[in-house]
Amino acid sequence: MTDRTELGLEIEAGLREAILHRRGKVALESHHVEPMPAAEVRQLRRSLAKSTKDFERRFGIPARTIEGWEKGRKIDAAHRVLLKALAKSPEAVEAALSEAR
């Protein structure tokens, strides 16, 4: 057996914890983000951009995706979190996106 790295040990510990959680033996902290209604998505988008294309340019979410959400299509968990962050602090999201480029 080769030397085990710190990263490898952390991954193993995380997997053990996930298995215990799955078996109901340990509770992990989690957050539930409620879906944003279509009307609220539309209102948020309009408050931040003139059009879905402008919103796409500003935040990188495709215009067709925004249009779908505004028509009531399901929003996955990651995008629900992003929309909540945009509602609370669009400047922070924009700053994070500009740092990533």
Protein backbone atom coordinates (compact mmCIF):
# COMPACT_ATOMS: atom_id res chain seq x y z
CA MET A 1 0.00 0.00 0.00
CA THR A 2 1.25 3.48 -0.85
CA ASP A 3 1.39 6.46 1.46
CA ARG A 4 -2.00 8.02 1.99
CA THR A 5 -2.23 11.73 1.35
CA GLU A 6 -4.03 14.23 3.52
CA LEU A 7 -6.49 14.85 0.70
CA GLY A 8 -7.17 11.13 0.36
CA LEU A 9 -7.81 10.81 4.09
CA GLU A 10 -10.22 13.78 3.98
CA ILE A 11 -12.09 12.19 1.07
CA GLU A 12 -12.34 8.89 2.97
CA ALA A 13 -13.65 10.67 6.07
CA GLY A 14 -16.24 12.50 3.96
CA LEU A 15 -17.40 9.27 2.36
CA ARG A 16 -17.70 7.59 5.76
CA GLU A 17 -19.76 10.52 6.98
CA ALA A 18 -22.00 10.37 3.88
CA ILE A 19 -22.59 6.64 4.43
CA LEU A 20 -23.51 7.24 8.08
CA HIS A 21 -25.87 10.01 7.02
CA ARG A 22 -27.50 7.78 4.41
CA ARG A 23 -28.03 5.11 7.07
CA GLY A 24 -29.64 7.67 9.37
CA LYS A 25 -26.90 7.46 11.97
CA VAL A 26 -25.69 11.05 11.68
CA ALA A 27 -27.48 14.28 10.83
CA LEU A 28 -25.77 16.67 8.45
CA GLU A 29 -26.56 20.38 8.27
CA SER A 30 -28.62 21.25 5.23
CA HIS A 31 -30.65 24.14 3.89
CA HIS A 32 -33.87 23.96 1.94
CA VAL A 33 -34.40 26.75 -0.58
CA GLU A 34 -38.01 27.14 -1.61
CA PRO A 35 -38.77 27.37 -5.33
CA MET A 36 -39.24 30.90 -6.62
CA PRO A 37 -42.63 31.42 -8.30
CA ALA A 38 -42.58 32.42 -11.98
CA ALA A 39 -43.96 35.88 -11.23
CA GLU A 40 -41.19 36.48 -8.70
CA VAL A 41 -38.53 35.35 -11.20
CA ARG A 42 -39.98 37.81 -13.75
CA GLN A 43 -40.07 40.61 -11.18
CA LEU A 44 -36.46 39.91 -10.12
CA ARG A 45 -35.25 39.80 -13.71
CA ARG A 46 -37.03 43.04 -14.56
CA SER A 47 -35.54 44.76 -11.52
CA LEU A 48 -32.02 43.76 -12.61
CA ALA A 49 -32.16 43.91 -16.42
CA LYS A 50 -34.33 45.31 -19.21
CA SER A 51 -34.57 41.98 -21.03
CA THR A 52 -33.66 38.33 -20.67
CA LYS A 53 -30.72 38.97 -23.03
CA ASP A 54 -29.45 41.77 -20.77
CA PHE A 55 -29.84 39.45 -17.77
CA GLU A 56 -27.86 36.78 -19.64
CA ARG A 57 -25.04 39.23 -20.38
CA ARG A 58 -24.95 40.43 -16.79
CA PHE A 59 -25.20 37.12 -14.93
CA GLY A 60 -24.45 34.38 -17.47
CA ILE A 61 -27.79 32.58 -17.22
CA PRO A 62 -29.08 31.83 -20.74
CA ALA A 63 -32.05 33.95 -21.82
CA ARG A 64 -34.03 30.83 -22.79
CA THR A 65 -33.54 29.45 -19.28
CA ILE A 66 -34.86 32.67 -17.73
CA GLU A 67 -37.80 32.68 -20.15
CA GLY A 68 -38.63 29.11 -19.11
CA TRP A 69 -38.53 30.00 -15.42
CA GLU A 70 -40.78 32.99 -16.08
CA LYS A 71 -43.27 30.57 -17.66
CA GLY A 72 -43.18 28.29 -14.63
CA ARG A 73 -40.62 25.66 -15.61
CA LYS A 74 -38.93 23.91 -12.71
CA ILE A 75 -35.83 25.55 -11.24
CA ASP A 76 -33.16 23.17 -9.95
CA ALA A 77 -31.67 23.60 -6.47
CA ALA A 78 -28.45 25.29 -7.59
CA HIS A 79 -30.33 27.87 -9.62
CA ARG A 80 -32.78 28.48 -6.74
CA VAL A 81 -29.78 29.37 -4.57
CA LEU A 82 -28.41 31.64 -7.29
CA LEU A 83 -31.74 33.42 -7.69
CA LYS A 84 -31.96 33.95 -3.90
CA ALA A 85 -28.42 35.39 -3.94
CA LEU A 86 -29.36 37.66 -6.85
CA ALA A 87 -32.44 38.85 -4.99
CA LYS A 88 -30.40 39.66 -1.89
CA SER A 89 -27.20 41.03 -3.42
CA PRO A 90 -26.87 41.19 -7.20
CA GLU A 91 -23.69 43.24 -6.84
CA ALA A 92 -22.01 40.45 -4.87
CA VAL A 93 -22.95 37.89 -7.53
CA GLU A 94 -21.68 40.20 -10.26
CA ALA A 95 -18.42 40.74 -8.36
CA ALA A 96 -17.95 37.00 -7.90
CA LEU A 97 -18.56 36.41 -11.60
CA SER A 98 -16.07 39.10 -12.63
CA GLU A 99 -13.41 37.53 -10.38
CA ALA A 100 -14.01 34.14 -12.00
CA ARG A 101 -13.29 35.48 -15.50
